[in-house]
Amino acid sequence: MPVKDSFEYVIGPGGRVGLDCAFCVHFRGPPGWPDVERASRCGRHDVPLAIQLGEGGYKEYEWFCRDFSDNGRADPSAVAHLAEMHESLQPGVLYRLYGHDRCLVEHPFDELNSG
């Protein structure tokens, strides 16, 4: 069942939530950006995160899973909201903000491993 995107977005150009895998203690990024080698991955779940990268190797959108653990760079209100909705999120799923139907976009980890 789809999860409603109930996060509050910052108003202004490039409105965002401030929650992303890059702000998680488990994120393993490339040695430098852009990530042309598509080395980004989740160290906790051992899944590649190339799906987060645009053609040029830079991250697009904001991504997280229910096991997100803030490295001190995420927006505190977004982290608090994630904690509130934790039980509605499925394990083994990578979520993306900015779904067209006001629901989170869902990508099961097994699809990330096979892609």
C-alpha atoms as a PDB file:
ATOM      1  CA  MET A   1       0.000   0.000   0.000  1.00  0.00           C
ATOM      2  CA  PRO A   2       1.473   3.400  -0.961  1.00  0.00           C
ATOM      3  CA  VAL A   3       2.726   5.673   1.808  1.00  0.00           C
ATOM      4  CA  LYS A   4       1.435   9.237   1.736  1.00  0.00           C
ATOM      5  CA  ASP A   5       4.157  11.900   1.463  1.00  0.00           C
ATOM      6  CA  SER A   6       3.339  13.910   4.571  1.00  0.00           C
ATOM      7  CA  PHE A   7       6.691  15.680   4.890  1.00  0.00           C
ATOM      8  CA  GLU A   8       6.823  19.462   4.993  1.00  0.00           C
ATOM      9  CA  TYR A   9       8.802  20.998   2.160  1.00  0.00           C
ATOM     10  CA  VAL A  10      10.890  24.151   2.517  1.00  0.00           C
ATOM     11  CA  ILE A  11       9.244  26.920   0.522  1.00  0.00           C
ATOM     12  CA  GLY A  12      11.339  28.547  -2.196  1.00  0.00           C
ATOM     13  CA  PRO A  13      13.477  27.596  -5.155  1.00  0.00           C
ATOM     14  CA  GLY A  14      14.328  23.914  -5.066  1.00  0.00           C
ATOM     15  CA  GLY A  15      11.936  23.269  -2.171  1.00  0.00           C
ATOM     16  CA  ARG A  16      13.170  20.274  -0.245  1.00  0.00           C
ATOM     17  CA  VAL A  17      12.633  18.236   2.907  1.00  0.00           C
ATOM     18  CA  GLY A  18      16.243  17.898   4.077  1.00  0.00           C
ATOM     19  CA  LEU A  19      16.247  14.109   4.423  1.00  0.00           C
ATOM     20  CA  ASP A  20      18.450  12.024   2.162  1.00  0.00           C
ATOM     21  CA  CYS A  21      20.657   8.929   2.166  1.00  0.00           C
ATOM     22  CA  ALA A  22      23.667  11.251   1.872  1.00  0.00           C
ATOM     23  CA  PHE A  23      22.771  12.481   5.398  1.00  0.00           C
ATOM     24  CA  CYS A  24      22.688   8.938   6.814  1.00  0.00           C
ATOM     25  CA  VAL A  25      25.550   7.360   8.778  1.00  0.00           C
ATOM     26  CA  HIS A  26      25.262   4.277   6.553  1.00  0.00           C
ATOM     27  CA  PHE A  27      25.795   6.113   3.244  1.00  0.00           C
ATOM     28  CA  ARG A  28      28.958   5.108   1.420  1.00  0.00           C
ATOM     29  CA  GLY A  29      29.624   7.694  -1.256  1.00  0.00           C
ATOM     30  CA  PRO A  30      32.149   7.945  -4.036  1.00  0.00           C
ATOM     31  CA  PRO A  31      35.673   9.278  -3.496  1.00  0.00           C
ATOM     32  CA  GLY A  32      34.511  12.459  -5.256  1.00  0.00           C
ATOM     33  CA  TRP A  33      31.548  13.935  -7.092  1.00  0.00           C
ATOM     34  CA  PRO A  34      30.181  13.388  -9.631  1.00  0.00           C
ATOM     35  CA  ASP A  35      29.773   9.688  -8.949  1.00  0.00           C
ATOM     36  CA  VAL A  36      30.538   8.613 -12.508  1.00  0.00           C
ATOM     37  CA  GLU A  37      31.543   5.126 -11.328  1.00  0.00           C
ATOM     38  CA  ARG A  38      28.173   4.794  -9.577  1.00  0.00           C
ATOM     39  CA  ALA A  39      29.871   3.710  -6.341  1.00  0.00           C
ATOM     40  CA  SER A  40      27.218   5.124  -3.955  1.00  0.00           C
ATOM     41  CA  ARG A  41      25.705   2.458  -1.730  1.00  0.00           C
ATOM     42  CA  CYS A  42      24.052   1.785   1.598  1.00  0.00           C
ATOM     43  CA  GLY A  43      26.519   0.229   4.025  1.00  0.00           C
ATOM     44  CA  ARG A  44      23.780  -1.075   6.323  1.00  0.00           C
ATOM     45  CA  HIS A  45      21.745  -2.876   3.680  1.00  0.00           C
ATOM     46  CA  ASP A  46      24.583  -3.434   1.202  1.00  0.00           C
ATOM     47  CA  VAL A  47      22.563  -2.167  -1.754  1.00  0.00           C
ATOM     48  CA  PRO A  48      23.766   0.037  -4.610  1.00  0.00           C
ATOM     49  CA  LEU A  49      22.271   3.516  -4.744  1.00  0.00           C
ATOM     50  CA  ALA A  50      22.919   4.252  -8.412  1.00  0.00           C
ATOM     51  CA  ILE A  51      19.159   4.758  -8.839  1.00  0.00           C
ATOM     52  CA  GLN A  52      19.631   8.065  -6.985  1.00  0.00           C
ATOM     53  CA  LEU A  53      22.068   9.384  -9.577  1.00  0.00           C
ATOM     54  CA  GLY A  54      21.245  11.338 -12.683  1.00  0.00           C
ATOM     55  CA  GLU A  55      23.005  10.905 -15.987  1.00  0.00           C
ATOM     56  CA  GLY A  56      25.847  13.207 -14.913  1.00  0.00           C
ATOM     57  CA  GLY A  57      26.560  11.288 -11.696  1.00  0.00           C
ATOM     58  CA  TYR A  58      24.963  13.749  -9.263  1.00  0.00           C
ATOM     59  CA  LYS A  59      22.157  12.856  -6.858  1.00  0.00           C
ATOM     60  CA  GLU A  60      18.613  13.677  -7.912  1.00  0.00           C
ATOM     61  CA  TYR A  61      15.685  13.978  -5.501  1.00  0.00           C
ATOM     62  CA  GLU A  62      15.782  13.006  -1.811  1.00  0.00           C
ATOM     63  CA  TRP A  63      15.921   9.348  -0.721  1.00  0.00           C
ATOM     64  CA  PHE A  64      15.743   7.394   2.537  1.00  0.00           C
ATOM     65  CA  CYS A  65      14.695   4.091   4.073  1.00  0.00           C
ATOM     66  CA  ARG A  66      13.050   3.335   7.409  1.00  0.00           C
ATOM     67  CA  ASP A  67      16.497   2.661   8.920  1.00  0.00           C
ATOM     68  CA  PHE A  68      17.783   6.173   8.195  1.00  0.00           C
ATOM     69  CA  SER A  69      20.158   7.333  10.923  1.00  0.00           C
ATOM     70  CA  ASP A  70      21.085  11.030  10.842  1.00  0.00           C
ATOM     71  CA  ASN A  71      24.764  11.905  10.530  1.00  0.00           C
ATOM     72  CA  GLY A  72      23.980  15.418  11.798  1.00  0.00           C
ATOM     73  CA  ARG A  73      23.282  16.951   8.383  1.00  0.00           C
ATOM     74  CA  ALA A  74      19.584  16.155   7.946  1.00  0.00           C
ATOM     75  CA  ASP A  75      16.875  18.646   8.804  1.00  0.00           C
ATOM     76  CA  PRO A  76      15.811  17.970  12.432  1.00  0.00           C
ATOM     77  CA  SER A  77      12.102  18.382  11.686  1.00  0.00           C
ATOM     78  CA  ALA A  78      12.339  15.876   8.809  1.00  0.00           C
ATOM     79  CA  VAL A  79      14.142  13.381  11.075  1.00  0.00           C
ATOM     80  CA  ALA A  80      11.450  13.840  13.734  1.00  0.00           C
ATOM     81  CA  HIS A  81       8.687  13.316  11.169  1.00  0.00           C
ATOM     82  CA  LEU A  82      10.410  10.190   9.858  1.00  0.00           C
ATOM     83  CA  ALA A  83      10.452   8.816  13.417  1.00  0.00           C
ATOM     84  CA  GLU A  84       6.701   9.477  13.690  1.00  0.00           C
ATOM     85  CA  MET A  85       5.942   7.604  10.482  1.00  0.00           C
ATOM     86  CA  HIS A  86       8.502   4.819  10.991  1.00  0.00           C
ATOM     87  CA  GLU A  87       5.924   2.056  11.441  1.00  0.00           C
ATOM     88  CA  SER A  88       4.178   2.923   8.165  1.00  0.00           C
ATOM     89  CA  LEU A  89       7.400   2.336   6.206  1.00  0.00           C
ATOM     90  CA  GLN A  90       8.294  -1.136   4.973  1.00  0.00           C
ATOM     91  CA  PRO A  91      11.674  -2.738   5.657  1.00  0.00           C
ATOM     92  CA  GLY A  92      13.713  -3.428   2.534  1.00  0.00           C
ATOM     93  CA  VAL A  93      12.348  -0.439   0.618  1.00  0.00           C
ATOM     94  CA  LEU A  94      14.120   2.699  -0.555  1.00  0.00           C
ATOM     95  CA  TYR A  95      11.749   5.671  -0.606  1.00  0.00           C
ATOM     96  CA  ARG A  96      11.952   8.758  -2.799  1.00  0.00           C
ATOM     97  CA  LEU A  97      10.259  12.066  -2.172  1.00  0.00           C
ATOM     98  CA  TYR A  98       8.477  14.038  -4.916  1.00  0.00           C
ATOM     99  CA  GLY A  99       6.048  11.380  -6.107  1.00  0.00           C
ATOM    100  CA  HIS A 100       3.504  12.635  -8.621  1.00  0.00           C
ATOM    101  CA  ASP A 101       0.544  11.371  -6.601  1.00  0.00           C
ATOM    102  CA  ARG A 102       1.675  12.864  -3.229  1.00  0.00           C
ATOM    103  CA  CYS A 103       2.827   9.407  -2.191  1.00  0.00           C
ATOM    104  CA  LEU A 104       6.405   8.323  -1.620  1.00  0.00           C
ATOM    105  CA  VAL A 105       7.972   6.500  -4.561  1.00  0.00           C
ATOM    106  CA  GLU A 106       8.990   2.985  -3.496  1.00  0.00           C
ATOM    107  CA  HIS A 107      11.947   0.937  -4.737  1.00  0.00           C
ATOM    108  CA  PRO A 108      12.397  -2.518  -3.106  1.00  0.00           C
ATOM    109  CA  PHE A 109      16.012  -3.350  -2.324  1.00  0.00           C
ATOM    110  CA  ASP A 110      15.874  -6.519  -4.429  1.00  0.00           C
ATOM    111  CA  GLU A 111      15.205  -4.341  -7.500  1.00  0.00           C
ATOM    112  CA  LEU A 112      18.255  -2.210  -6.653  1.00  0.00           C
ATOM    113  CA  ASN A 113      20.456  -5.296  -6.485  1.00  0.00           C
ATOM    114  CA  SER A 114      19.221  -6.616  -9.821  1.00  0.00           C
ATOM    115  CA  GLY A 115      19.483  -3.285 -11.661  1.00  0.00           C
END
